[in-house]
């Protein structure tokens, strides 16, 4: 396989961290990105080891599952840590739905089927008359669609997936 001088092969930007017996990726390579990689955030906070991240990233490439899902399923990360890291990655606030009450009237403005599809729950009205909406993963939420349905501006915040599900159960009763 030949490569033209102006095109590098896929993965050429990755560097090996050290010539150890088990080579691993240099995760610091992505630290200064505009939107940092989730793995870099988790490493920086000390919530996951480089070795576990490498194993999880290998599983991501093999299975197509999301990194956070893999880390949670292996009990290498706790759900509040994942939510806080996603909030940092997307430059959004983190909302702890276990300690902040959800305004039932605001939450019921969004049809449950839409909330489940986007994995969100409207939480409360904010001072600027927008609605704070908790999302499990910001890449799954469509803020413009939410604004159309809610007929108000929305302010996304990241919350734990299980807490959002618990809110849905609360709203059904």
Protein backbone atom coordinates (compact mmCIF):
# COMPACT_ATOMS: atom_id res chain seq x y z
CA UNK A 1 0.00 0.00 0.00
CA UNK A 2 1.55 3.28 -1.02
CA UNK A 3 0.66 6.61 0.47
CA UNK A 4 0.93 9.90 -1.33
CA UNK A 5 3.01 12.56 0.47
CA UNK A 6 -0.03 14.74 1.18
CA UNK A 7 -2.20 11.97 2.60
CA UNK A 8 -1.31 10.01 5.69
CA UNK A 9 -2.84 6.61 6.48
CA UNK A 10 -5.65 6.38 8.97
CA UNK A 11 -4.32 6.41 12.51
CA UNK A 12 -1.08 8.17 11.60
CA UNK A 13 -1.80 10.78 14.28
CA UNK A 14 -1.61 8.19 17.06
CA UNK A 15 1.67 7.75 18.87
CA UNK A 16 2.80 4.97 21.13
CA UNK A 17 3.40 6.11 24.70
CA UNK A 18 6.43 3.94 25.40
CA UNK A 19 8.19 0.93 23.97
CA UNK A 20 6.88 -1.26 26.81
CA UNK A 21 6.12 -4.92 26.26
CA UNK A 22 2.42 -4.05 25.84
CA UNK A 23 2.28 -0.91 23.75
CA UNK A 24 -0.49 1.53 24.54
CA UNK A 25 -1.73 4.70 22.95
CA UNK A 26 -0.47 8.12 24.05
CA UNK A 27 -3.80 9.53 25.27
CA UNK A 28 -2.28 12.96 25.91
CA UNK A 29 -2.16 13.50 22.15
CA UNK A 30 -5.82 14.66 22.21
CA UNK A 31 -5.75 16.73 25.44
CA UNK A 32 -5.81 20.16 23.77
CA UNK A 33 -8.65 19.55 21.33
CA UNK A 34 -11.49 22.10 21.12
CA UNK A 35 -13.84 19.41 22.41
CA UNK A 36 -11.62 16.98 24.31
CA UNK A 37 -12.03 13.26 23.87
CA UNK A 38 -13.99 11.56 26.63
CA UNK A 39 -11.10 9.22 27.40
CA UNK A 40 -8.71 12.15 27.90
CA UNK A 41 -11.10 13.75 30.39
CA UNK A 42 -11.50 10.51 32.32
CA UNK A 43 -7.72 10.04 32.46
CA UNK A 44 -7.08 13.63 33.51
CA UNK A 45 -9.55 13.28 36.40
CA UNK A 46 -8.04 9.95 37.42
CA UNK A 47 -11.35 8.13 36.99
CA UNK A 48 -9.92 5.47 34.67
CA UNK A 49 -6.41 4.08 34.18
CA UNK A 50 -4.63 4.20 30.81
CA UNK A 51 -4.63 0.40 30.70
CA UNK A 52 -8.38 0.14 31.26
CA UNK A 53 -9.01 2.90 28.73
CA UNK A 54 -6.96 1.00 26.13
CA UNK A 55 -8.97 -2.18 26.76
CA UNK A 56 -12.25 -0.25 26.54
CA UNK A 57 -11.20 1.56 23.35
CA UNK A 58 -10.30 -1.78 21.78
CA UNK A 59 -13.79 -3.02 22.68
CA UNK A 60 -15.29 0.17 21.18
CA UNK A 61 -13.60 -0.54 17.87
CA UNK A 62 -14.58 -4.22 17.98
CA UNK A 63 -18.23 -3.87 19.07
CA UNK A 64 -19.27 -0.33 18.13
CA UNK A 65 -20.51 0.31 21.68
CA UNK A 66 -19.89 3.71 23.22
CA UNK A 67 -16.88 4.16 25.47
CA UNK A 68 -18.96 5.23 28.47
CA UNK A 69 -21.26 2.22 28.14
CA UNK A 70 -18.30 -0.15 28.13
CA UNK A 71 -16.66 1.47 31.13
CA UNK A 72 -19.95 1.35 33.06
CA UNK A 73 -20.65 -2.28 32.11
CA UNK A 74 -17.20 -3.32 33.37
CA UNK A 75 -17.71 -1.30 36.60
CA UNK A 76 -14.59 0.73 35.77
CA UNK A 77 -16.55 3.98 36.01
CA UNK A 78 -19.53 5.22 38.01
CA UNK A 79 -22.50 6.85 36.33
CA UNK A 80 -22.08 10.28 38.01
CA UNK A 81 -18.46 10.35 36.80
CA UNK A 82 -19.53 9.58 33.24
CA UNK A 83 -22.19 12.29 33.34
CA UNK A 84 -19.72 14.85 34.75
CA UNK A 85 -17.15 13.94 32.09
CA UNK A 86 -19.73 14.24 29.29
CA UNK A 87 -20.78 17.62 30.70
CA UNK A 88 -17.16 18.77 30.57
CA UNK A 89 -16.65 17.34 27.08
CA UNK A 90 -19.65 19.22 25.70
CA UNK A 91 -19.11 22.32 27.88
CA UNK A 92 -22.51 21.90 29.55
CA UNK A 93 -23.53 22.02 33.20
CA UNK A 94 -24.01 18.81 35.16
CA UNK A 95 -27.34 18.38 36.94
CA UNK A 96 -27.69 15.90 39.79
CA UNK A 97 -31.29 14.76 39.47
CA UNK A 98 -31.05 12.88 42.76
CA UNK A 99 -30.64 16.16 44.65
CA UNK A 100 -32.47 18.61 42.36
CA UNK A 101 -36.21 18.15 42.07
CA UNK A 102 -37.83 17.98 38.67
CA UNK A 103 -40.76 20.32 38.13
CA UNK A 104 -43.54 17.94 37.10
CA UNK A 105 -45.38 20.66 35.15
CA UNK A 106 -42.27 21.45 33.11
CA UNK A 107 -41.42 17.78 32.56
CA UNK A 108 -44.92 17.03 31.29
CA UNK A 109 -44.55 19.64 28.53
CA UNK A 110 -42.51 17.08 26.58
CA UNK A 111 -44.29 13.93 25.38
CA UNK A 112 -42.80 10.88 27.08
CA UNK A 113 -42.10 9.13 23.77
CA UNK A 114 -39.94 12.09 22.64
CA UNK A 115 -38.18 12.16 26.00
CA UNK A 116 -37.38 8.45 25.71
CA UNK A 117 -36.18 8.73 22.11
CA UNK A 118 -33.71 11.51 22.98
CA UNK A 119 -33.11 10.23 26.54
CA UNK A 120 -33.97 13.58 28.13
CA UNK A 121 -36.21 15.07 30.80
CA UNK A 122 -37.18 18.73 31.15
CA UNK A 123 -36.16 19.77 34.66
CA UNK A 124 -37.24 23.35 35.41
CA UNK A 125 -37.80 26.84 34.09
CA UNK A 126 -34.69 29.02 34.33
CA UNK A 127 -34.56 32.74 35.16
CA UNK A 128 -34.42 33.68 31.46
CA UNK A 129 -37.67 31.71 30.82
CA UNK A 130 -35.82 28.92 29.05
CA UNK A 131 -36.21 25.30 30.10
CA UNK A 132 -33.34 23.30 31.54
CA UNK A 133 -33.39 19.85 29.94
CA UNK A 134 -31.30 17.02 31.37
CA UNK A 135 -29.76 14.72 28.75
CA UNK A 136 -27.92 11.46 29.27
CA UNK A 137 -25.69 12.01 26.23
CA UNK A 138 -25.61 15.41 24.53
CA UNK A 139 -24.88 13.80 21.16
CA UNK A 140 -28.33 12.12 21.30
CA UNK A 141 -30.31 15.30 22.01
CA UNK A 142 -31.63 17.64 19.31
CA UNK A 143 -31.88 21.05 21.00
CA UNK A 144 -33.65 22.64 18.02
CA UNK A 145 -36.30 19.92 17.97
CA UNK A 146 -36.76 20.27 21.73
CA UNK A 147 -37.23 24.02 21.35
CA UNK A 148 -39.85 23.46 18.63
CA UNK A 149 -41.79 20.99 20.77
CA UNK A 150 -41.47 22.96 24.03
CA UNK A 151 -41.97 26.32 22.27
CA UNK A 152 -39.23 27.86 24.40
CA UNK A 153 -35.46 28.06 24.34
CA UNK A 154 -33.77 25.13 26.05
CA UNK A 155 -30.60 24.93 28.07
CA UNK A 156 -29.09 21.45 28.02
CA UNK A 157 -27.46 19.93 31.09
CA UNK A 158 -26.06 16.44 31.51
CA UNK A 159 -27.60 14.03 34.03
CA UNK A 160 -27.22 10.34 34.78
CA UNK A 161 -29.11 7.96 32.51
CA UNK A 162 -30.61 6.03 35.45
CA UNK A 163 -31.81 9.26 37.10
CA UNK A 164 -33.51 10.33 33.87
CA UNK A 165 -35.22 6.94 33.69
CA UNK A 166 -36.33 7.32 37.31
CA UNK A 167 -37.89 10.68 36.40
CA UNK A 168 -39.91 8.99 33.65
CA UNK A 169 -41.25 6.47 36.16
CA UNK A 170 -42.15 9.32 38.52
CA UNK A 171 -43.98 11.14 35.73
CA UNK A 172 -46.10 8.12 34.78
CA UNK A 173 -47.68 7.94 38.25
